[in-house]
Full PDB file with SEQRES, HELIX, SHEET, SSBOND, CRYST1, ORIGX, SCALE, CONECT and MASTER records, all heavy atoms in Angstrom:
SEQRES   1 A   42  LYS HIS PRO ASP ALA TRP GLU THR LEU VAL SER ALA MET          
SEQRES   2 A   42  ILE ARG ALA GLY PHE VAL VAL THR ALA SER TRP PRO ILE          
SEQRES   3 A   42  GLN THR GLU MET ASN THR ARG MET ARG ALA HIS GLY SER          
SEQRES   4 A   42  ALA ALA LEU                                                  
HELIX    1 AA1 PRO A    3  ALA A   16  1                                  14    
HELIX    2 AA2 MET A   34  ALA A   36  5                                   3    
CRYST1    1.000    1.000    1.000  90.00  90.00  90.00 P 1           1          
ORIGX1      1.000000  0.000000  0.000000        0.00000                         
ORIGX2      0.000000  1.000000  0.000000        0.00000                         
ORIGX3      0.000000  0.000000  1.000000        0.00000                         
SCALE1      1.000000  0.000000  0.000000        0.00000                         
SCALE2      0.000000  1.000000  0.000000        0.00000                         
SCALE3      0.000000  0.000000  1.000000        0.00000                         
ATOM      1  N   LYS A   1       0.539  -1.851   5.776  1.00  0.00           N  
ATOM      2  CA  LYS A   1       1.770  -2.400   6.322  1.00  0.00           C  
ATOM      3  C   LYS A   1       1.707  -3.897   6.509  1.00  0.00           C  
ATOM      4  O   LYS A   1       2.754  -4.595   6.639  1.00  0.00           O  
ATOM      5  CB  LYS A   1       2.086  -1.800   7.692  1.00  0.00           C  
ATOM      6  CG  LYS A   1       2.401  -0.333   7.664  1.00  0.00           C  
ATOM      7  CD  LYS A   1       2.950   0.156   8.978  1.00  0.00           C  
ATOM      8  CE  LYS A   1       1.801   0.232  10.003  1.00  0.00           C  
ATOM      9  NZ  LYS A   1       2.316   0.826  11.293  1.00  0.00           N  
ATOM     10  N   HIS A   2       0.529  -4.499   6.385  1.00  0.00           N  
ATOM     11  CA  HIS A   2       0.397  -5.953   6.608  1.00  0.00           C  
ATOM     12  C   HIS A   2       0.460  -6.713   5.338  1.00  0.00           C  
ATOM     13  O   HIS A   2      -0.238  -6.405   4.310  1.00  0.00           O  
ATOM     14  CB  HIS A   2      -0.925  -6.199   7.348  1.00  0.00           C  
ATOM     15  CG  HIS A   2      -0.913  -7.532   8.126  1.00  0.00           C  
ATOM     16  ND1 HIS A   2      -0.941  -8.763   7.547  1.00  0.00           N  
ATOM     17  CD2 HIS A   2      -0.802  -7.770   9.470  1.00  0.00           C  
ATOM     18  CE1 HIS A   2      -0.889  -9.698   8.457  1.00  0.00           C  
ATOM     19  NE2 HIS A   2      -0.788  -9.139   9.647  1.00  0.00           N  
ATOM     20  N   PRO A   3       1.257  -7.813   5.237  1.00  0.00           N  
ATOM     21  CA  PRO A   3       1.368  -8.633   4.011  1.00  0.00           C  
ATOM     22  C   PRO A   3       0.045  -9.224   3.534  1.00  0.00           C  
ATOM     23  O   PRO A   3      -0.153  -9.351   2.360  1.00  0.00           O  
ATOM     24  CB  PRO A   3       2.377  -9.700   4.444  1.00  0.00           C  
ATOM     25  CG  PRO A   3       3.144  -9.162   5.581  1.00  0.00           C  
ATOM     26  CD  PRO A   3       2.209  -8.244   6.309  1.00  0.00           C  
ATOM     27  N   ASP A   4      -0.847  -9.541   4.536  1.00  0.00           N  
ATOM     28  CA  ASP A   4      -2.125 -10.126   4.108  1.00  0.00           C  
ATOM     29  C   ASP A   4      -2.924  -9.167   3.237  1.00  0.00           C  
ATOM     30  O   ASP A   4      -3.651  -9.618   2.327  1.00  0.00           O  
ATOM     31  CB  ASP A   4      -2.932 -10.480   5.373  1.00  0.00           C  
ATOM     32  CG  ASP A   4      -2.529 -11.790   6.023  1.00  0.00           C  
ATOM     33  OD1 ASP A   4      -1.627 -12.415   5.431  1.00  0.00           O  
ATOM     34  OD2 ASP A   4      -2.995 -12.111   7.084  1.00  0.00           O  
ATOM     35  N   ALA A   5      -2.830  -7.912   3.495  1.00  0.00           N  
ATOM     36  CA  ALA A   5      -3.596  -6.930   2.701  1.00  0.00           C  
ATOM     37  C   ALA A   5      -3.079  -6.914   1.278  1.00  0.00           C  
ATOM     38  O   ALA A   5      -3.904  -6.872   0.331  1.00  0.00           O  
ATOM     39  CB  ALA A   5      -3.464  -5.543   3.328  1.00  0.00           C  
ATOM     40  N   TRP A   6      -1.806  -6.951   1.094  1.00  0.00           N  
ATOM     41  CA  TRP A   6      -1.207  -6.920  -0.256  1.00  0.00           C  
ATOM     42  C   TRP A   6      -1.465  -8.240  -0.984  1.00  0.00           C  
ATOM     43  O   TRP A   6      -1.818  -8.259  -2.157  1.00  0.00           O  
ATOM     44  CB  TRP A   6       0.288  -6.676  -0.200  1.00  0.00           C  
ATOM     45  CG  TRP A   6       0.624  -5.265   0.074  1.00  0.00           C  
ATOM     46  CD1 TRP A   6       0.934  -4.675   1.284  1.00  0.00           C  
ATOM     47  CD2 TRP A   6       0.575  -4.167  -0.814  1.00  0.00           C  
ATOM     48  NE1 TRP A   6       1.174  -3.333   1.165  1.00  0.00           N  
ATOM     49  CE2 TRP A   6       0.882  -3.009  -0.093  1.00  0.00           C  
ATOM     50  CE3 TRP A   6       0.284  -4.048  -2.181  1.00  0.00           C  
ATOM     51  CZ2 TRP A   6       0.966  -1.742  -0.721  1.00  0.00           C  
ATOM     52  CZ3 TRP A   6       0.364  -2.802  -2.802  1.00  0.00           C  
ATOM     53  CH2 TRP A   6       0.704  -1.660  -2.081  1.00  0.00           C  
ATOM     54  N   GLU A   7      -1.385  -9.352  -0.198  1.00  0.00           N  
ATOM     55  CA  GLU A   7      -1.615 -10.654  -0.824  1.00  0.00           C  
ATOM     56  C   GLU A   7      -3.090 -10.729  -1.355  1.00  0.00           C  
ATOM     57  O   GLU A   7      -3.346 -11.194  -2.446  1.00  0.00           O  
ATOM     58  CB  GLU A   7      -1.488 -11.771   0.281  1.00  0.00           C  
ATOM     59  CG  GLU A   7      -1.844 -13.146  -0.264  1.00  0.00           C  
ATOM     60  CD  GLU A   7      -1.876 -14.186   0.879  1.00  0.00           C  
ATOM     61  OE1 GLU A   7      -1.488 -13.817   2.008  1.00  0.00           O  
ATOM     62  OE2 GLU A   7      -2.308 -15.280   0.612  1.00  0.00           O  
ATOM     63  N   THR A   8      -4.036 -10.195  -0.543  1.00  0.00           N  
ATOM     64  CA  THR A   8      -5.432 -10.219  -0.971  1.00  0.00           C  
ATOM     65  C   THR A   8      -5.700  -9.367  -2.148  1.00  0.00           C  
ATOM     66  O   THR A   8      -6.419  -9.736  -3.129  1.00  0.00           O  
ATOM     67  CB  THR A   8      -6.297  -9.745   0.275  1.00  0.00           C  
ATOM     68  OG1 THR A   8      -6.080 -10.544   1.376  1.00  0.00           O  
ATOM     69  CG2 THR A   8      -7.799  -9.855  -0.143  1.00  0.00           C  
ATOM     70  N   LEU A   9      -5.076  -8.136  -2.206  1.00  0.00           N  
ATOM     71  CA  LEU A   9      -5.307  -7.190  -3.292  1.00  0.00           C  
ATOM     72  C   LEU A   9      -4.695  -7.757  -4.568  1.00  0.00           C  
ATOM     73  O   LEU A   9      -5.384  -7.798  -5.615  1.00  0.00           O  
ATOM     74  CB  LEU A   9      -4.654  -5.881  -2.961  1.00  0.00           C  
ATOM     75  CG  LEU A   9      -4.823  -4.792  -4.044  1.00  0.00           C  
ATOM     76  CD1 LEU A   9      -6.174  -4.114  -3.929  1.00  0.00           C  
ATOM     77  CD2 LEU A   9      -3.727  -3.775  -3.986  1.00  0.00           C  
ATOM     78  N   VAL A  10      -3.465  -8.212  -4.501  1.00  0.00           N  
ATOM     79  CA  VAL A  10      -2.742  -8.717  -5.714  1.00  0.00           C  
ATOM     80  C   VAL A  10      -3.419  -9.974  -6.221  1.00  0.00           C  
ATOM     81  O   VAL A  10      -3.519 -10.162  -7.440  1.00  0.00           O  
ATOM     82  CB  VAL A  10      -1.268  -8.959  -5.405  1.00  0.00           C  
ATOM     83  CG1 VAL A  10      -0.586  -9.560  -6.583  1.00  0.00           C  
ATOM     84  CG2 VAL A  10      -0.577  -7.624  -5.071  1.00  0.00           C  
ATOM     85  N   SER A  11      -3.891 -10.785  -5.301  1.00  0.00           N  
ATOM     86  CA  SER A  11      -4.605 -12.055  -5.745  1.00  0.00           C  
ATOM     87  C   SER A  11      -5.819 -11.667  -6.541  1.00  0.00           C  
ATOM     88  O   SER A  11      -6.110 -12.320  -7.534  1.00  0.00           O  
ATOM     89  CB  SER A  11      -4.974 -12.836  -4.508  1.00  0.00           C  
ATOM     90  OG  SER A  11      -5.779 -13.938  -4.862  1.00  0.00           O  
ATOM     91  N   ALA A  12      -6.609 -10.648  -6.074  1.00  0.00           N  
ATOM     92  CA  ALA A  12      -7.757 -10.239  -6.823  1.00  0.00           C  
ATOM     93  C   ALA A  12      -7.400  -9.662  -8.206  1.00  0.00           C  
ATOM     94  O   ALA A  12      -8.119  -9.885  -9.198  1.00  0.00           O  
ATOM     95  CB  ALA A  12      -8.530  -9.214  -5.999  1.00  0.00           C  
ATOM     96  N   MET A  13      -6.308  -8.943  -8.251  1.00  0.00           N  
ATOM     97  CA  MET A  13      -5.844  -8.359  -9.537  1.00  0.00           C  
ATOM     98  C   MET A  13      -5.422  -9.409 -10.584  1.00  0.00           C  
ATOM     99  O   MET A  13      -5.806  -9.410 -11.749  1.00  0.00           O  
ATOM    100  CB  MET A  13      -4.695  -7.415  -9.311  1.00  0.00           C  
ATOM    101  CG  MET A  13      -5.060  -6.202  -8.501  1.00  0.00           C  
ATOM    102  SD  MET A  13      -3.612  -5.183  -8.033  1.00  0.00           S  
ATOM    103  CE  MET A  13      -3.053  -4.622  -9.596  1.00  0.00           C  
ATOM    104  N   ILE A  14      -4.717 -10.467 -10.066  1.00  0.00           N  
ATOM    105  CA  ILE A  14      -4.308 -11.587 -10.936  1.00  0.00           C  
ATOM    106  C   ILE A  14      -5.505 -12.360 -11.416  1.00  0.00           C  
ATOM    107  O   ILE A  14      -5.630 -12.734 -12.615  1.00  0.00           O  
ATOM    108  CB  ILE A  14      -3.310 -12.459 -10.215  1.00  0.00           C  
ATOM    109  CG1 ILE A  14      -2.018 -11.651  -9.970  1.00  0.00           C  
ATOM    110  CG2 ILE A  14      -3.029 -13.743 -10.978  1.00  0.00           C  
ATOM    111  CD1 ILE A  14      -0.989 -12.450  -9.081  1.00  0.00           C  
ATOM    112  N   ARG A  15      -6.430 -12.665 -10.465  1.00  0.00           N  
ATOM    113  CA  ARG A  15      -7.648 -13.413 -10.887  1.00  0.00           C  
ATOM    114  C   ARG A  15      -8.442 -12.647 -11.945  1.00  0.00           C  
ATOM    115  O   ARG A  15      -9.111 -13.283 -12.766  1.00  0.00           O  
ATOM    116  CB  ARG A  15      -8.539 -13.673  -9.628  1.00  0.00           C  
ATOM    117  CG  ARG A  15      -7.996 -14.743  -8.715  1.00  0.00           C  
ATOM    118  CD  ARG A  15      -8.845 -14.748  -7.438  1.00  0.00           C  
ATOM    119  NE  ARG A  15     -10.249 -15.027  -7.725  1.00  0.00           N  
ATOM    120  CZ  ARG A  15     -11.235 -14.855  -6.850  1.00  0.00           C  
ATOM    121  NH1 ARG A  15     -10.960 -14.341  -5.626  1.00  0.00           N  
ATOM    122  NH2 ARG A  15     -12.463 -15.159  -7.145  1.00  0.00           N  
ATOM    123  N   ALA A  16      -8.443 -11.364 -11.848  1.00  0.00           N  
ATOM    124  CA  ALA A  16      -9.183 -10.549 -12.804  1.00  0.00           C  
ATOM    125  C   ALA A  16      -8.579 -10.472 -14.196  1.00  0.00           C  
ATOM    126  O   ALA A  16      -9.187 -10.017 -15.147  1.00  0.00           O  
ATOM    127  CB  ALA A  16      -9.422  -9.133 -12.270  1.00  0.00           C  
ATOM    128  N   GLY A  17      -7.262 -10.867 -14.313  1.00  0.00           N  
ATOM    129  CA  GLY A  17      -6.625 -10.892 -15.589  1.00  0.00           C  
ATOM    130  C   GLY A  17      -5.608  -9.834 -15.851  1.00  0.00           C  
ATOM    131  O   GLY A  17      -5.196  -9.584 -16.990  1.00  0.00           O  
ATOM    132  N   PHE A  18      -5.197  -9.117 -14.734  1.00  0.00           N  
ATOM    133  CA  PHE A  18      -4.200  -8.088 -14.915  1.00  0.00           C  
ATOM    134  C   PHE A  18      -2.796  -8.554 -14.587  1.00  0.00           C  
ATOM    135  O   PHE A  18      -2.567  -9.531 -13.844  1.00  0.00           O  
ATOM    136  CB  PHE A  18      -4.555  -6.913 -14.000  1.00  0.00           C  
ATOM    137  CG  PHE A  18      -5.673  -6.104 -14.410  1.00  0.00           C  
ATOM    138  CD1 PHE A  18      -6.903  -6.202 -13.776  1.00  0.00           C  
ATOM    139  CD2 PHE A  18      -5.634  -5.287 -15.549  1.00  0.00           C  
ATOM    140  CE1 PHE A  18      -8.037  -5.473 -14.151  1.00  0.00           C  
ATOM    141  CE2 PHE A  18      -6.701  -4.572 -15.929  1.00  0.00           C  
ATOM    142  CZ  PHE A  18      -7.886  -4.642 -15.232  1.00  0.00           C  
ATOM    143  N   VAL A  19      -1.790  -7.802 -15.099  1.00  0.00           N  
ATOM    144  CA  VAL A  19      -0.384  -7.987 -14.775  1.00  0.00           C  
ATOM    145  C   VAL A  19       0.195  -6.624 -14.409  1.00  0.00           C  
ATOM    146  O   VAL A  19      -0.134  -5.649 -15.116  1.00  0.00           O  
ATOM    147  CB  VAL A  19       0.403  -8.633 -15.943  1.00  0.00           C  
ATOM    148  CG1 VAL A  19       0.342  -7.809 -17.193  1.00  0.00           C  
ATOM    149  CG2 VAL A  19       1.823  -8.869 -15.534  1.00  0.00           C  
ATOM    150  N   VAL A  20       0.954  -6.579 -13.383  1.00  0.00           N  
ATOM    151  CA  VAL A  20       1.550  -5.282 -12.889  1.00  0.00           C  
ATOM    152  C   VAL A  20       2.786  -4.963 -13.766  1.00  0.00           C  
ATOM    153  O   VAL A  20       3.674  -5.767 -13.864  1.00  0.00           O  
ATOM    154  CB  VAL A  20       1.917  -5.362 -11.439  1.00  0.00           C  
ATOM    155  CG1 VAL A  20       2.591  -4.029 -10.959  1.00  0.00           C  
ATOM    156  CG2 VAL A  20       0.726  -5.594 -10.550  1.00  0.00           C  
ATOM    157  N   THR A  21       2.811  -3.793 -14.348  1.00  0.00           N  
ATOM    158  CA  THR A  21       3.911  -3.391 -15.209  1.00  0.00           C  
ATOM    159  C   THR A  21       4.834  -2.340 -14.568  1.00  0.00           C  
ATOM    160  O   THR A  21       5.983  -2.178 -14.967  1.00  0.00           O  
ATOM    161  CB  THR A  21       3.402  -2.809 -16.566  1.00  0.00           C  
ATOM    162  OG1 THR A  21       2.591  -1.698 -16.285  1.00  0.00           O  
ATOM    163  CG2 THR A  21       2.603  -3.847 -17.312  1.00  0.00           C  
ATOM    164  N   ALA A  22       4.319  -1.664 -13.554  1.00  0.00           N  
ATOM    165  CA  ALA A  22       5.141  -0.695 -12.783  1.00  0.00           C  
ATOM    166  C   ALA A  22       4.532  -0.420 -11.438  1.00  0.00           C  
ATOM    167  O   ALA A  22       3.319  -0.639 -11.295  1.00  0.00           O  
ATOM    168  CB  ALA A  22       5.230   0.599 -13.651  1.00  0.00           C  
ATOM    169  N   SER A  23       5.350   0.022 -10.528  1.00  0.00           N  
ATOM    170  CA  SER A  23       4.854   0.413  -9.226  1.00  0.00           C  
ATOM    171  C   SER A  23       5.675   1.668  -8.772  1.00  0.00           C  
ATOM    172  O   SER A  23       6.845   1.731  -8.911  1.00  0.00           O  
ATOM    173  CB  SER A  23       5.061  -0.724  -8.203  1.00  0.00           C  
ATOM    174  OG  SER A  23       6.412  -0.990  -8.074  1.00  0.00           O  
ATOM    175  N   TRP A  24       4.884   2.663  -8.318  1.00  0.00           N  
ATOM    176  CA  TRP A  24       5.484   3.922  -7.941  1.00  0.00           C  
ATOM    177  C   TRP A  24       5.121   4.272  -6.504  1.00  0.00           C  
ATOM    178  O   TRP A  24       3.953   4.520  -6.225  1.00  0.00           O  
ATOM    179  CB  TRP A  24       4.974   5.036  -8.839  1.00  0.00           C  
ATOM    180  CG  TRP A  24       5.336   4.816 -10.306  1.00  0.00           C  
ATOM    181  CD1 TRP A  24       4.556   4.197 -11.273  1.00  0.00           C  
ATOM    182  CD2 TRP A  24       6.530   5.252 -10.968  1.00  0.00           C  
ATOM    183  NE1 TRP A  24       5.226   4.124 -12.476  1.00  0.00           N  
ATOM    184  CE2 TRP A  24       6.431   4.764 -12.303  1.00  0.00           C  
ATOM    185  CE3 TRP A  24       7.665   5.874 -10.563  1.00  0.00           C  
ATOM    186  CZ2 TRP A  24       7.419   5.028 -13.226  1.00  0.00           C  
ATOM    187  CZ3 TRP A  24       8.691   6.124 -11.502  1.00  0.00           C  
ATOM    188  CH2 TRP A  24       8.554   5.681 -12.816  1.00  0.00           C  
ATOM    189  N   PRO A  25       6.053   4.377  -5.646  1.00  0.00           N  
ATOM    190  CA  PRO A  25       5.742   4.858  -4.287  1.00  0.00           C  
ATOM    191  C   PRO A  25       5.736   6.388  -4.280  1.00  0.00           C  
ATOM    192  O   PRO A  25       6.729   7.063  -4.613  1.00  0.00           O  
ATOM    193  CB  PRO A  25       6.935   4.330  -3.408  1.00  0.00           C  
ATOM    194  CG  PRO A  25       8.049   4.166  -4.387  1.00  0.00           C  
ATOM    195  CD  PRO A  25       7.475   3.906  -5.729  1.00  0.00           C  
ATOM    196  N   ILE A  26       4.616   7.024  -3.946  1.00  0.00           N  
ATOM    197  CA  ILE A  26       4.427   8.412  -3.927  1.00  0.00           C  
ATOM    198  C   ILE A  26       4.104   8.917  -2.565  1.00  0.00           C  
ATOM    199  O   ILE A  26       3.175   8.379  -1.955  1.00  0.00           O  
ATOM    200  CB  ILE A  26       3.374   8.859  -4.938  1.00  0.00           C  
ATOM    201  CG1 ILE A  26       3.746   8.365  -6.395  1.00  0.00           C  
ATOM    202  CG2 ILE A  26       3.154  10.328  -4.956  1.00  0.00           C  
ATOM    203  CD1 ILE A  26       2.714   8.690  -7.442  1.00  0.00           C  
ATOM    204  N   GLN A  27       4.895   9.860  -2.044  1.00  0.00           N  
ATOM    205  CA  GLN A  27       4.609  10.336  -0.724  1.00  0.00           C  
ATOM    206  C   GLN A  27       3.382  11.190  -0.675  1.00  0.00           C  
ATOM    207  O   GLN A  27       3.318  12.306  -1.236  1.00  0.00           O  
ATOM    208  CB  GLN A  27       5.855  11.185  -0.209  1.00  0.00           C  
ATOM    209  CG  GLN A  27       5.767  11.532   1.296  1.00  0.00           C  
ATOM    210  CD  GLN A  27       7.069  12.004   1.827  1.00  0.00           C  
ATOM    211  OE1 GLN A  27       8.099  11.899   1.190  1.00  0.00           O  
ATOM    212  NE2 GLN A  27       7.051  12.511   3.044  1.00  0.00           N  
ATOM    213  N   THR A  28       2.326  10.651  -0.073  1.00  0.00           N  
ATOM    214  CA  THR A  28       0.991  11.288  -0.144  1.00  0.00           C  
ATOM    215  C   THR A  28       0.506  11.687   1.263  1.00  0.00           C  
ATOM    216  O   THR A  28      -0.529  12.376   1.332  1.00  0.00           O  
ATOM    217  CB  THR A  28      -0.027  10.311  -0.694  1.00  0.00           C  
ATOM    218  OG1 THR A  28       0.007   9.127   0.024  1.00  0.00           O  
ATOM    219  CG2 THR A  28       0.244  10.013  -2.178  1.00  0.00           C  
ATOM    220  N   GLU A  29       1.250  11.344   2.323  1.00  0.00           N  
ATOM    221  CA  GLU A  29       0.736  11.624   3.668  1.00  0.00           C  
ATOM    222  C   GLU A  29       1.550  12.728   4.366  1.00  0.00           C  
ATOM    223  O   GLU A  29       2.765  12.805   4.107  1.00  0.00           O  
ATOM    224  CB  GLU A  29       0.786  10.386   4.527  1.00  0.00           C  
ATOM    225  CG  GLU A  29       0.102   9.152   3.879  1.00  0.00           C  
ATOM    226  CD  GLU A  29      -1.362   9.380   3.604  1.00  0.00           C  
ATOM    227  OE1 GLU A  29      -1.984  10.115   4.332  1.00  0.00           O  
ATOM    228  OE2 GLU A  29      -1.855   8.845   2.569  1.00  0.00           O  
ATOM    229  N   MET A  30       0.902  13.523   5.151  1.00  0.00           N  
ATOM    230  CA  MET A  30       1.563  14.600   5.870  1.00  0.00           C  
ATOM    231  C   MET A  30       2.324  14.021   7.064  1.00  0.00           C  
ATOM    232  O   MET A  30       1.779  13.206   7.826  1.00  0.00           O  
ATOM    233  CB  MET A  30       0.554  15.634   6.370  1.00  0.00           C  
ATOM    234  CG  MET A  30      -0.114  16.398   5.298  1.00  0.00           C  
ATOM    235  SD  MET A  30      -1.384  17.507   5.959  1.00  0.00           S  
ATOM    236  CE  MET A  30      -0.398  18.567   7.037  1.00  0.00           C  
ATOM    237  N   ASN A  31       3.600  14.471   7.178  1.00  0.00           N  
ATOM    238  CA  ASN A  31       4.393  13.974   8.335  1.00  0.00           C  
ATOM    239  C   ASN A  31       3.895  14.504   9.691  1.00  0.00           C  
ATOM    240  O   ASN A  31       4.207  13.970  10.775  1.00  0.00           O  
ATOM    241  CB  ASN A  31       5.877  14.406   8.145  1.00  0.00           C  
ATOM    242  CG  ASN A  31       6.454  13.700   6.959  1.00  0.00           C  
ATOM    243  OD1 ASN A  31       6.167  12.586   6.633  1.00  0.00           O  
ATOM    244  ND2 ASN A  31       7.397  14.402   6.317  1.00  0.00           N  
ATOM    245  N   THR A  32       3.116  15.639   9.640  1.00  0.00           N  
ATOM    246  CA  THR A  32       2.642  16.239  10.864  1.00  0.00           C  
ATOM    247  C   THR A  32       1.300  15.751  11.327  1.00  0.00           C  
ATOM    248  O   THR A  32       0.767  16.225  12.355  1.00  0.00           O  
ATOM    249  CB  THR A  32       2.608  17.808  10.687  1.00  0.00           C  
ATOM    250  OG1 THR A  32       1.709  18.062   9.582  1.00  0.00           O  
ATOM    251  CG2 THR A  32       3.987  18.361  10.415  1.00  0.00           C  
ATOM    252  N   ARG A  33       0.693  14.832  10.584  1.00  0.00           N  
ATOM    253  CA  ARG A  33      -0.638  14.360  10.961  1.00  0.00           C  
ATOM    254  C   ARG A  33      -0.554  13.604  12.303  1.00  0.00           C  
ATOM    255  O   ARG A  33       0.466  12.999  12.601  1.00  0.00           O  
ATOM    256  CB  ARG A  33      -1.282  13.512   9.837  1.00  0.00           C  
ATOM    257  CG  ARG A  33      -0.659  12.138   9.655  1.00  0.00           C  
ATOM    258  CD  ARG A  33      -1.147  11.519   8.339  1.00  0.00           C  
ATOM    259  NE  ARG A  33      -0.846  10.125   8.227  1.00  0.00           N  
ATOM    260  CZ  ARG A  33       0.333   9.608   7.869  1.00  0.00           C  
ATOM    261  NH1 ARG A  33       1.314  10.411   7.623  1.00  0.00           N  
ATOM    262  NH2 ARG A  33       0.485   8.288   7.783  1.00  0.00           N  
ATOM    263  N   MET A  34      -1.691  13.467  12.997  1.00  0.00           N  
ATOM    264  CA  MET A  34      -1.726  12.825  14.270  1.00  0.00           C  
ATOM    265  C   MET A  34      -1.267  11.400  14.204  1.00  0.00           C  
ATOM    266  O   MET A  34      -0.558  10.860  15.069  1.00  0.00           O  
ATOM    267  CB  MET A  34      -3.153  12.937  14.827  1.00  0.00           C  
ATOM    268  CG  MET A  34      -3.338  12.294  16.214  1.00  0.00           C  
ATOM    269  SD  MET A  34      -2.462  13.110  17.554  1.00  0.00           S  
ATOM    270  CE  MET A  34      -3.450  14.568  17.699  1.00  0.00           C  
ATOM    271  N   ARG A  35      -1.707  10.671  13.130  1.00  0.00           N  
ATOM    272  CA  ARG A  35      -1.368   9.284  13.028  1.00  0.00           C  
ATOM    273  C   ARG A  35       0.103   8.994  12.961  1.00  0.00           C  
ATOM    274  O   ARG A  35       0.580   7.935  13.321  1.00  0.00           O  
ATOM    275  CB  ARG A  35      -2.088   8.712  11.714  1.00  0.00           C  
ATOM    276  CG  ARG A  35      -1.783   7.274  11.391  1.00  0.00           C  
ATOM    277  CD  ARG A  35      -2.381   6.365  12.433  1.00  0.00           C  
ATOM    278  NE  ARG A  35      -2.079   4.915  12.178  1.00  0.00           N  
ATOM    279  CZ  ARG A  35      -0.996   4.336  12.621  1.00  0.00           C  
ATOM    280  NH1 ARG A  35      -0.133   5.032  13.389  1.00  0.00           N  
ATOM    281  NH2 ARG A  35      -0.718   3.094  12.423  1.00  0.00           N  
ATOM    282  N   ALA A  36       0.879   9.983  12.511  1.00  0.00           N  
ATOM    283  CA  ALA A  36       2.346   9.786  12.252  1.00  0.00           C  
ATOM    284  C   ALA A  36       3.108  10.039  13.582  1.00  0.00           C  
ATOM    285  O   ALA A  36       4.323   9.732  13.600  1.00  0.00           O  
ATOM    286  CB  ALA A  36       2.868  10.706  11.165  1.00  0.00           C  
ATOM    287  N   HIS A  37       2.495  10.592  14.583  1.00  0.00           N  
ATOM    288  CA  HIS A  37       3.192  10.924  15.816  1.00  0.00           C  
ATOM    289  C   HIS A  37       3.505   9.667  16.611  1.00  0.00           C  
ATOM    290  O   HIS A  37       2.641   8.987  17.069  1.00  0.00           O  
ATOM    291  CB  HIS A  37       2.400  11.906  16.646  1.00  0.00           C  
ATOM    292  CG  HIS A  37       2.290  13.280  16.001  1.00  0.00           C  
ATOM    293  ND1 HIS A  37       1.575  14.272  16.558  1.00  0.00           N  
ATOM    294  CD2 HIS A  37       2.871  13.767  14.862  1.00  0.00           C  
ATOM    295  CE1 HIS A  37       1.624  15.290  15.784  1.00  0.00           C  
ATOM    296  NE2 HIS A  37       2.452  15.030  14.739  1.00  0.00           N  
ATOM    297  N   GLY A  38       4.852   9.403  16.803  1.00  0.00           N  
ATOM    298  CA  GLY A  38       5.246   8.260  17.693  1.00  0.00           C  
ATOM    299  C   GLY A  38       4.871   6.891  17.153  1.00  0.00           C  
ATOM    300  O   GLY A  38       4.750   5.968  17.944  1.00  0.00           O  
ATOM    301  N   SER A  39       4.716   6.750  15.826  1.00  0.00           N  
ATOM    302  CA  SER A  39       4.348   5.409  15.258  1.00  0.00           C  
ATOM    303  C   SER A  39       5.007   5.306  13.897  1.00  0.00           C  
ATOM    304  O   SER A  39       5.423   6.246  13.255  1.00  0.00           O  
ATOM    305  CB  SER A  39       2.815   5.245  15.121  1.00  0.00           C  
ATOM    306  OG  SER A  39       2.341   6.157  14.151  1.00  0.00           O  
ATOM    307  N   ALA A  40       5.121   4.055  13.471  1.00  0.00           N  
ATOM    308  CA  ALA A  40       5.668   3.752  12.173  1.00  0.00           C  
ATOM    309  C   ALA A  40       4.574   3.811  11.072  1.00  0.00           C  
ATOM    310  O   ALA A  40       4.276   2.853  10.409  1.00  0.00           O  
ATOM    311  CB  ALA A  40       6.307   2.341  12.168  1.00  0.00           C  
ATOM    312  N   ALA A  41       3.957   4.988  10.965  1.00  0.00           N  
ATOM    313  CA  ALA A  41       2.839   5.140  10.005  1.00  0.00           C  
ATOM    314  C   ALA A  41       3.446   5.284   8.612  1.00  0.00           C  
ATOM    315  O   ALA A  41       4.520   5.845   8.377  1.00  0.00           O  
ATOM    316  CB  ALA A  41       2.021   6.387  10.344  1.00  0.00           C  
ATOM    317  N   LEU A  42       2.688   4.785   7.649  1.00  0.00           N  
ATOM    318  CA  LEU A  42       3.089   4.873   6.256  1.00  0.00           C  
ATOM    319  C   LEU A  42       3.035   6.333   5.759  1.00  0.00           C  
ATOM    320  O   LEU A  42       2.115   7.035   6.033  1.00  0.00           O  
ATOM    321  CB  LEU A  42       2.183   4.024   5.388  1.00  0.00           C  
ATOM    322  CG  LEU A  42       2.325   2.500   5.573  1.00  0.00           C  
ATOM    323  CD1 LEU A  42       1.190   1.786   4.816  1.00  0.00           C  
ATOM    324  CD2 LEU A  42       3.687   1.980   5.123  1.00  0.00           C  
TER     325      LEU A  42                                                      
MASTER        0    0    0    2    0    0    0    6  324    1    0    4          
END                                                                             
C-alpha cells in the first residue's frame, strides 16, 4: 500500500534493464482472513 515500496521495486526493475508491458491485478487474498478484518488490507 505504500508508494515507497513500489518506487523501490520499479526503480530496481528499470536499473536492471526491464520495461513493464502489462500489469494485472489478481485477487489472491481471502476476504475472511484475520488481516482483512476491520482494516483496509489489500
